[in-house]
Each structure stands twice: as C-alpha cells, then as structure tokens.
All heavy atoms as atom14 arrays in JSON, in Angstrom:
{
  "sequence": "GQAVTLLRSLVSRYSSDGILARGIKPKRFIFTVSPIR",
  "atom14_mask": [
    [1, 1, 1, 1, 0, 0, 0, 0, 0, 0, 0, 0, 0, 0],
    [1, 1, 1, 1, 1, 1, 1, 1, 1, 0, 0, 0, 0, 0],
    [1, 1, 1, 1, 1, 0, 0, 0, 0, 0, 0, 0, 0, 0],
    [1, 1, 1, 1, 1, 1, 1, 0, 0, 0, 0, 0, 0, 0],
    [1, 1, 1, 1, 1, 1, 1, 0, 0, 0, 0, 0, 0, 0],
    [1, 1, 1, 1, 1, 1, 1, 1, 0, 0, 0, 0, 0, 0],
    [1, 1, 1, 1, 1, 1, 1, 1, 0, 0, 0, 0, 0, 0],
    [1, 1, 1, 1, 1, 1, 1, 1, 1, 1, 1, 0, 0, 0],
    [1, 1, 1, 1, 1, 1, 0, 0, 0, 0, 0, 0, 0, 0],
    [1, 1, 1, 1, 1, 1, 1, 1, 0, 0, 0, 0, 0, 0],
    [1, 1, 1, 1, 1, 1, 1, 0, 0, 0, 0, 0, 0, 0],
    [1, 1, 1, 1, 1, 1, 0, 0, 0, 0, 0, 0, 0, 0],
    [1, 1, 1, 1, 1, 1, 1, 1, 1, 1, 1, 0, 0, 0],
    [1, 1, 1, 1, 1, 1, 1, 1, 1, 1, 1, 1, 0, 0],
    [1, 1, 1, 1, 1, 1, 0, 0, 0, 0, 0, 0, 0, 0],
    [1, 1, 1, 1, 1, 1, 0, 0, 0, 0, 0, 0, 0, 0],
    [1, 1, 1, 1, 1, 1, 1, 1, 0, 0, 0, 0, 0, 0],
    [1, 1, 1, 1, 0, 0, 0, 0, 0, 0, 0, 0, 0, 0],
    [1, 1, 1, 1, 1, 1, 1, 1, 0, 0, 0, 0, 0, 0],
    [1, 1, 1, 1, 1, 1, 1, 1, 0, 0, 0, 0, 0, 0],
    [1, 1, 1, 1, 1, 0, 0, 0, 0, 0, 0, 0, 0, 0],
    [1, 1, 1, 1, 1, 1, 1, 1, 1, 1, 1, 0, 0, 0],
    [1, 1, 1, 1, 0, 0, 0, 0, 0, 0, 0, 0, 0, 0],
    [1, 1, 1, 1, 1, 1, 1, 1, 0, 0, 0, 0, 0, 0],
    [1, 1, 1, 1, 1, 1, 1, 1, 1, 0, 0, 0, 0, 0],
    [1, 1, 1, 1, 1, 1, 1, 0, 0, 0, 0, 0, 0, 0],
    [1, 1, 1, 1, 1, 1, 1, 1, 1, 0, 0, 0, 0, 0],
    [1, 1, 1, 1, 1, 1, 1, 1, 1, 1, 1, 0, 0, 0],
    [1, 1, 1, 1, 1, 1, 1, 1, 1, 1, 1, 0, 0, 0],
    [1, 1, 1, 1, 1, 1, 1, 1, 0, 0, 0, 0, 0, 0],
    [1, 1, 1, 1, 1, 1, 1, 1, 1, 1, 1, 0, 0, 0],
    [1, 1, 1, 1, 1, 1, 1, 0, 0, 0, 0, 0, 0, 0],
    [1, 1, 1, 1, 1, 1, 1, 0, 0, 0, 0, 0, 0, 0],
    [1, 1, 1, 1, 1, 1, 0, 0, 0, 0, 0, 0, 0, 0],
    [1, 1, 1, 1, 1, 1, 1, 0, 0, 0, 0, 0, 0, 0],
    [1, 1, 1, 1, 1, 1, 1, 1, 0, 0, 0, 0, 0, 0],
    [1, 1, 1, 1, 1, 1, 1, 1, 1, 1, 1, 0, 0, 0]
  ],
  "atom14_positions": [
    [[2.03, 14.86, -7.16], [0.89, 14.09, -7.7], [1.23, 12.63, -7.97], [0.53, 11.67, -7.69], [0.0, 0.0, 0.0], [0.0, 0.0, 0.0], [0.0, 0.0, 0.0], [0.0, 0.0, 0.0], [0.0, 0.0, 0.0], [0.0, 0.0, 0.0], [0.0, 0.0, 0.0], [0.0, 0.0, 0.0], [0.0, 0.0, 0.0], [0.0, 0.0, 0.0]],
    [[2.46, 12.45, -8.51], [2.88, 11.02, -8.92], [3.23, 10.24, -7.62], [2.89, 9.06, -7.55], [4.19, 11.08, -9.69], [4.67, 9.74, -10.31], [5.89, 9.88, -11.16], [6.27, 10.92, -11.55], [6.6, 8.62, -11.39], [0.0, 0.0, 0.0], [0.0, 0.0, 0.0], [0.0, 0.0, 0.0], [0.0, 0.0, 0.0], [0.0, 0.0, 0.0]],
    [[3.91, 10.98, -6.62], [3.96, 10.23, -5.31], [2.74, 9.71, -4.62], [2.61, 8.58, -4.14], [4.77, 11.14, -4.28], [0.0, 0.0, 0.0], [0.0, 0.0, 0.0], [0.0, 0.0, 0.0], [0.0, 0.0, 0.0], [0.0, 0.0, 0.0], [0.0, 0.0, 0.0], [0.0, 0.0, 0.0], [0.0, 0.0, 0.0], [0.0, 0.0, 0.0]],
    [[1.72, 10.63, -4.65], [0.41, 10.28, -4.18], [-0.21, 9.09, -4.9], [-0.74, 8.2, -4.39], [-0.56, 11.56, -4.15], [-1.96, 11.04, -3.84], [-0.06, 12.52, -3.32], [0.0, 0.0, 0.0], [0.0, 0.0, 0.0], [0.0, 0.0, 0.0], [0.0, 0.0, 0.0], [0.0, 0.0, 0.0], [0.0, 0.0, 0.0], [0.0, 0.0, 0.0]],
    [[-0.13, 9.14, -6.21], [-0.75, 8.11, -7.12], [0.04, 6.74, -6.83], [-0.73, 5.72, -6.73], [-0.55, 8.5, -8.52], [-1.23, 9.73, -8.83], [-1.09, 7.36, -9.51], [0.0, 0.0, 0.0], [0.0, 0.0, 0.0], [0.0, 0.0, 0.0], [0.0, 0.0, 0.0], [0.0, 0.0, 0.0], [0.0, 0.0, 0.0], [0.0, 0.0, 0.0]],
    [[1.31, 6.73, -6.67], [1.96, 5.55, -6.4], [1.63, 4.9, -5.13], [1.26, 3.77, -4.99], [3.48, 5.86, -6.35], [4.2, 5.98, -7.76], [5.67, 6.64, -7.57], [4.32, 4.58, -8.42], [0.0, 0.0, 0.0], [0.0, 0.0, 0.0], [0.0, 0.0, 0.0], [0.0, 0.0, 0.0], [0.0, 0.0, 0.0], [0.0, 0.0, 0.0]],
    [[1.55, 5.74, -4.0], [1.34, 5.22, -2.77], [-0.22, 4.77, -2.61], [-0.63, 3.76, -1.91], [1.7, 6.26, -1.63], [3.19, 6.47, -1.56], [3.41, 7.57, -0.46], [3.95, 5.41, -1.37], [0.0, 0.0, 0.0], [0.0, 0.0, 0.0], [0.0, 0.0, 0.0], [0.0, 0.0, 0.0], [0.0, 0.0, 0.0], [0.0, 0.0, 0.0]],
    [[-1.06, 5.6, -3.19], [-2.53, 5.24, -3.16], [-2.76, 3.9, -3.85], [-3.53, 3.04, -3.43], [-3.35, 6.23, -3.86], [-3.61, 7.48, -3.05], [-4.45, 8.51, -3.78], [-5.82, 8.01, -4.02], [-6.84, 8.45, -3.52], [-6.9, 9.47, -2.7], [-8.07, 7.85, -3.85], [0.0, 0.0, 0.0], [0.0, 0.0, 0.0], [0.0, 0.0, 0.0]],
    [[-2.04, 3.6, -4.95], [-2.15, 2.45, -5.73], [-1.72, 1.24, -4.89], [-2.23, 0.23, -4.86], [-1.5, 2.55, -7.03], [-1.48, 1.24, -7.77], [0.0, 0.0, 0.0], [0.0, 0.0, 0.0], [0.0, 0.0, 0.0], [0.0, 0.0, 0.0], [0.0, 0.0, 0.0], [0.0, 0.0, 0.0], [0.0, 0.0, 0.0], [0.0, 0.0, 0.0]],
    [[-0.43, 1.43, -4.26], [0.03, 0.43, -3.38], [-0.93, 0.01, -2.41], [-1.08, -1.2, -2.19], [1.37, 0.99, -2.78], [2.1, 0.07, -1.72], [2.74, -1.14, -2.56], [3.11, 0.82, -0.95], [0.0, 0.0, 0.0], [0.0, 0.0, 0.0], [0.0, 0.0, 0.0], [0.0, 0.0, 0.0], [0.0, 0.0, 0.0], [0.0, 0.0, 0.0]],
    [[-1.51, 0.96, -1.58], [-2.29, 0.63, -0.51], [-3.6, 0.03, -1.02], [-4.1, -1.1, -0.48], [-2.7, 2.0, 0.36], [-3.79, 1.65, 1.47], [-1.45, 2.42, 1.09], [0.0, 0.0, 0.0], [0.0, 0.0, 0.0], [0.0, 0.0, 0.0], [0.0, 0.0, 0.0], [0.0, 0.0, 0.0], [0.0, 0.0, 0.0], [0.0, 0.0, 0.0]],
    [[-4.24, 0.54, -1.94], [-5.51, 0.15, -2.45], [-5.35, -1.31, -3.07], [-6.24, -2.16, -2.96], [-6.01, 0.93, -3.63], [-5.33, 1.04, -4.69], [0.0, 0.0, 0.0], [0.0, 0.0, 0.0], [0.0, 0.0, 0.0], [0.0, 0.0, 0.0], [0.0, 0.0, 0.0], [0.0, 0.0, 0.0], [0.0, 0.0, 0.0], [0.0, 0.0, 0.0]],
    [[-4.33, -1.66, -3.8], [-4.06, -2.83, -4.36], [-3.78, -4.03, -3.26], [-4.32, -5.16, -3.57], [-2.78, -2.74, -5.27], [-2.46, -4.14, -6.1], [-1.4, -3.85, -7.09], [-1.23, -5.03, -7.86], [-0.29, -5.06, -8.83], [0.42, -4.0, -9.19], [-0.04, -6.18, -9.62], [0.0, 0.0, 0.0], [0.0, 0.0, 0.0], [0.0, 0.0, 0.0]],
    [[-3.14, -3.74, -2.27], [-2.75, -4.84, -1.35], [-3.63, -4.89, -0.06], [-3.34, -5.7, 0.94], [-1.24, -4.81, -1.04], [-0.45, -5.08, -2.3], [0.23, -3.99, -2.97], [-0.48, -6.41, -2.87], [0.91, -4.23, -4.16], [0.24, -6.56, -4.07], [0.99, -5.58, -4.67], [1.65, -5.74, -5.93], [0.0, 0.0, 0.0], [0.0, 0.0, 0.0]],
    [[-4.46, -3.81, 0.15], [-5.33, -3.81, 1.39], [-6.69, -4.37, 1.05], [-7.58, -4.61, 1.96], [-5.34, -2.48, 1.99], [-6.03, -1.57, 0.95], [0.0, 0.0, 0.0], [0.0, 0.0, 0.0], [0.0, 0.0, 0.0], [0.0, 0.0, 0.0], [0.0, 0.0, 0.0], [0.0, 0.0, 0.0], [0.0, 0.0, 0.0], [0.0, 0.0, 0.0]],
    [[-7.05, -4.54, -0.27], [-8.36, -4.92, -0.45], [-8.54, -6.5, -0.44], [-7.56, -7.22, -0.65], [-8.76, -4.51, -1.93], [-8.03, -5.16, -2.88], [0.0, 0.0, 0.0], [0.0, 0.0, 0.0], [0.0, 0.0, 0.0], [0.0, 0.0, 0.0], [0.0, 0.0, 0.0], [0.0, 0.0, 0.0], [0.0, 0.0, 0.0], [0.0, 0.0, 0.0]],
    [[-9.76, -6.93, -0.26], [-10.14, -8.43, -0.21], [-9.92, -8.95, -1.55], [-9.67, -10.18, -1.59], [-11.55, -8.65, 0.27], [-11.68, -8.25, 1.71], [-10.79, -8.28, 2.43], [-12.91, -7.99, 2.19], [0.0, 0.0, 0.0], [0.0, 0.0, 0.0], [0.0, 0.0, 0.0], [0.0, 0.0, 0.0], [0.0, 0.0, 0.0], [0.0, 0.0, 0.0]],
    [[-9.81, -8.16, -2.6], [-9.68, -8.71, -3.95], [-8.27, -9.54, -4.16], [-8.15, -10.4, -4.95], [0.0, 0.0, 0.0], [0.0, 0.0, 0.0], [0.0, 0.0, 0.0], [0.0, 0.0, 0.0], [0.0, 0.0, 0.0], [0.0, 0.0, 0.0], [0.0, 0.0, 0.0], [0.0, 0.0, 0.0], [0.0, 0.0, 0.0], [0.0, 0.0, 0.0]],
    [[-7.36, -9.03, -3.37], [-6.01, -9.62, -3.32], [-5.96, -11.08, -2.89], [-4.98, -11.86, -3.26], [-5.0, -8.74, -2.62], [-3.54, -8.96, -3.14], [-5.09, -9.06, -1.09], [-3.37, -8.38, -4.56], [0.0, 0.0, 0.0], [0.0, 0.0, 0.0], [0.0, 0.0, 0.0], [0.0, 0.0, 0.0], [0.0, 0.0, 0.0], [0.0, 0.0, 0.0]],
    [[-6.95, -11.48, -2.17], [-7.1, -12.82, -1.79], [-7.13, -13.86, -2.9], [-6.72, -15.06, -2.81], [-8.3, -13.03, -0.85], [-8.14, -12.58, 0.47], [-9.54, -12.47, 1.21], [-7.26, -13.34, 1.43], [0.0, 0.0, 0.0], [0.0, 0.0, 0.0], [0.0, 0.0, 0.0], [0.0, 0.0, 0.0], [0.0, 0.0, 0.0], [0.0, 0.0, 0.0]],
    [[-7.69, -13.34, -4.07], [-7.79, -14.24, -5.21], [-6.45, -14.78, -5.66], [-6.33, -15.72, -6.39], [-8.64, -13.51, -6.28], [0.0, 0.0, 0.0], [0.0, 0.0, 0.0], [0.0, 0.0, 0.0], [0.0, 0.0, 0.0], [0.0, 0.0, 0.0], [0.0, 0.0, 0.0], [0.0, 0.0, 0.0], [0.0, 0.0, 0.0], [0.0, 0.0, 0.0]],
    [[-5.38, -13.9, -5.27], [-4.01, -14.21, -5.71], [-3.18, -14.97, -4.56], [-2.04, -15.12, -4.64], [-3.24, -12.9, -6.13], [-3.8, -12.41, -7.45], [-3.09, -10.94, -7.64], [-1.59, -11.06, -7.66], [-0.88, -10.06, -7.65], [-1.35, -8.79, -7.69], [0.41, -10.16, -7.77], [0.0, 0.0, 0.0], [0.0, 0.0, 0.0], [0.0, 0.0, 0.0]],
    [[-3.98, -15.29, -3.56], [-3.42, -16.06, -2.47], [-2.63, -15.1, -1.48], [-1.66, -15.56, -0.85], [0.0, 0.0, 0.0], [0.0, 0.0, 0.0], [0.0, 0.0, 0.0], [0.0, 0.0, 0.0], [0.0, 0.0, 0.0], [0.0, 0.0, 0.0], [0.0, 0.0, 0.0], [0.0, 0.0, 0.0], [0.0, 0.0, 0.0], [0.0, 0.0, 0.0]],
    [[-2.97, -13.76, -1.52], [-2.26, -12.94, -0.83], [-3.17, -12.25, 0.41], [-4.18, -11.75, -0.08], [-1.58, -11.74, -1.51], [-0.6, -12.22, -2.63], [-0.91, -10.66, -0.68], [-0.01, -11.2, -3.51], [0.0, 0.0, 0.0], [0.0, 0.0, 0.0], [0.0, 0.0, 0.0], [0.0, 0.0, 0.0], [0.0, 0.0, 0.0], [0.0, 0.0, 0.0]],
    [[-2.75, -12.25, 1.56], [-3.53, -11.74, 2.61], [-3.68, -10.25, 2.48], [-2.58, -9.66, 2.27], [-2.92, -12.18, 4.02], [-3.84, -11.67, 5.24], [-3.12, -12.29, 6.43], [-3.97, -11.95, 7.68], [-3.26, -12.55, 8.95], [0.0, 0.0, 0.0], [0.0, 0.0, 0.0], [0.0, 0.0, 0.0], [0.0, 0.0, 0.0], [0.0, 0.0, 0.0]],
    [[-4.82, -9.61, 2.72], [-4.9, -8.16, 2.69], [-4.0, -7.45, 3.77], [-3.87, -8.12, 4.93], [-6.36, -7.89, 2.96], [-7.06, -9.12, 2.46], [-6.23, -10.24, 2.75], [0.0, 0.0, 0.0], [0.0, 0.0, 0.0], [0.0, 0.0, 0.0], [0.0, 0.0, 0.0], [0.0, 0.0, 0.0], [0.0, 0.0, 0.0], [0.0, 0.0, 0.0]],
    [[-3.35, -6.5, 3.4], [-2.43, -5.75, 4.31], [-3.04, -4.55, 4.94], [-3.75, -3.85, 4.39], [-1.11, -5.43, 3.57], [-0.66, -6.45, 2.72], [-0.23, -7.83, 3.35], [0.26, -8.86, 2.25], [0.19, -10.23, 2.85], [0.0, 0.0, 0.0], [0.0, 0.0, 0.0], [0.0, 0.0, 0.0], [0.0, 0.0, 0.0], [0.0, 0.0, 0.0]],
    [[-2.29, -4.22, 6.12], [-2.38, -2.8, 6.7], [-1.14, -2.15, 6.56], [-0.07, -2.85, 6.45], [-2.73, -2.96, 8.12], [-4.07, -3.72, 8.54], [-4.27, -3.74, 9.99], [-3.32, -4.4, 10.75], [-3.19, -5.55, 11.18], [-4.2, -6.5, 10.79], [-2.12, -6.11, 11.76], [0.0, 0.0, 0.0], [0.0, 0.0, 0.0], [0.0, 0.0, 0.0]],
    [[-1.2, -0.87, 6.61], [0.11, -0.05, 6.24], [0.35, 0.95, 7.4], [-0.48, 1.55, 7.73], [-0.03, 0.57, 4.86], [0.03, -0.4, 3.66], [-1.11, -1.02, 3.2], [1.27, -0.55, 3.08], [-1.07, -1.92, 2.18], [1.25, -1.51, 1.98], [0.19, -2.13, 1.54], [0.0, 0.0, 0.0], [0.0, 0.0, 0.0], [0.0, 0.0, 0.0]],
    [[1.62, 0.95, 7.68], [2.05, 2.14, 8.51], [3.26, 2.89, 7.83], [4.21, 2.1, 7.35], [2.69, 1.65, 10.0], [1.41, 0.92, 10.74], [3.27, 2.76, 10.64], [1.87, 0.42, 12.08], [0.0, 0.0, 0.0], [0.0, 0.0, 0.0], [0.0, 0.0, 0.0], [0.0, 0.0, 0.0], [0.0, 0.0, 0.0], [0.0, 0.0, 0.0]],
    [[3.15, 4.07, 7.55], [4.07, 4.9, 6.84], [4.82, 5.74, 7.87], [4.34, 6.34, 8.82], [3.46, 5.73, 5.87], [2.97, 5.04, 4.67], [1.72, 4.66, 4.41], [3.83, 4.67, 3.59], [1.23, 3.93, 3.34], [3.41, 4.05, 2.38], [2.1, 3.61, 2.27], [0.0, 0.0, 0.0], [0.0, 0.0, 0.0], [0.0, 0.0, 0.0]],
    [[6.11, 5.89, 7.58], [6.94, 6.93, 8.22], [7.79, 7.6, 7.3], [8.02, 7.06, 6.08], [7.87, 6.26, 9.36], [8.91, 5.52, 8.73], [7.12, 5.35, 10.25], [0.0, 0.0, 0.0], [0.0, 0.0, 0.0], [0.0, 0.0, 0.0], [0.0, 0.0, 0.0], [0.0, 0.0, 0.0], [0.0, 0.0, 0.0], [0.0, 0.0, 0.0]],
    [[8.27, 8.8, 7.6], [9.26, 9.53, 6.77], [10.58, 9.39, 7.56], [10.59, 9.83, 8.71], [8.9, 10.83, 6.48], [9.97, 11.68, 5.93], [7.66, 10.87, 5.58], [0.0, 0.0, 0.0], [0.0, 0.0, 0.0], [0.0, 0.0, 0.0], [0.0, 0.0, 0.0], [0.0, 0.0, 0.0], [0.0, 0.0, 0.0], [0.0, 0.0, 0.0]],
    [[11.63, 9.08, 6.87], [12.84, 8.84, 7.73], [13.42, 10.0, 8.33], [13.42, 11.17, 7.72], [13.93, 8.29, 6.58], [15.26, 8.3, 7.28], [0.0, 0.0, 0.0], [0.0, 0.0, 0.0], [0.0, 0.0, 0.0], [0.0, 0.0, 0.0], [0.0, 0.0, 0.0], [0.0, 0.0, 0.0], [0.0, 0.0, 0.0], [0.0, 0.0, 0.0]],
    [[13.89, 9.96, 9.58], [14.4, 11.08, 10.32], [15.87, 11.39, 9.78], [16.46, 12.35, 10.26], [14.44, 10.65, 11.75], [14.51, 9.06, 11.7], [13.79, 8.68, 10.38], [0.0, 0.0, 0.0], [0.0, 0.0, 0.0], [0.0, 0.0, 0.0], [0.0, 0.0, 0.0], [0.0, 0.0, 0.0], [0.0, 0.0, 0.0], [0.0, 0.0, 0.0]],
    [[16.45, 10.53, 8.84], [17.78, 10.95, 8.37], [17.64, 12.02, 7.32], [16.89, 11.98, 6.36], [18.32, 9.61, 7.68], [18.46, 8.5, 8.71], [19.76, 9.86, 7.13], [18.68, 7.24, 8.23], [0.0, 0.0, 0.0], [0.0, 0.0, 0.0], [0.0, 0.0, 0.0], [0.0, 0.0, 0.0], [0.0, 0.0, 0.0], [0.0, 0.0, 0.0]],
    [[18.37, 13.04, 7.54], [18.48, 14.17, 6.58], [19.37, 13.89, 5.41], [20.51, 13.42, 5.49], [18.91, 15.43, 7.33], [17.87, 15.93, 8.31], [18.34, 17.11, 9.19], [19.6, 16.84, 9.87], [20.36, 17.85, 10.35], [20.09, 19.04, 10.14], [21.52, 17.52, 11.04], [0.0, 0.0, 0.0], [0.0, 0.0, 0.0], [0.0, 0.0, 0.0]]
  ]
}
C-alpha cells in the first residue's frame, strides 16, 4: 500500500499541467523492475 501511494503521488504530481506553475514541464513515466536478482 505504501509503495502504491508513493508511486501514485509521484506520477500525479509531475504529470499534471499544474506543475507548469512551478516552471516544470509535465512528465510521462515509464517504469521497469530491475532484472537483477
């Protein structure tokens, strides 16, 4: 649950147009899980 909350907050915070007010371009995200065991 905490991992989901963290990542959801990350994407919502930096992908929205609202971030433009801080001079930051909205982002797209690509996630991977490392193949290193």
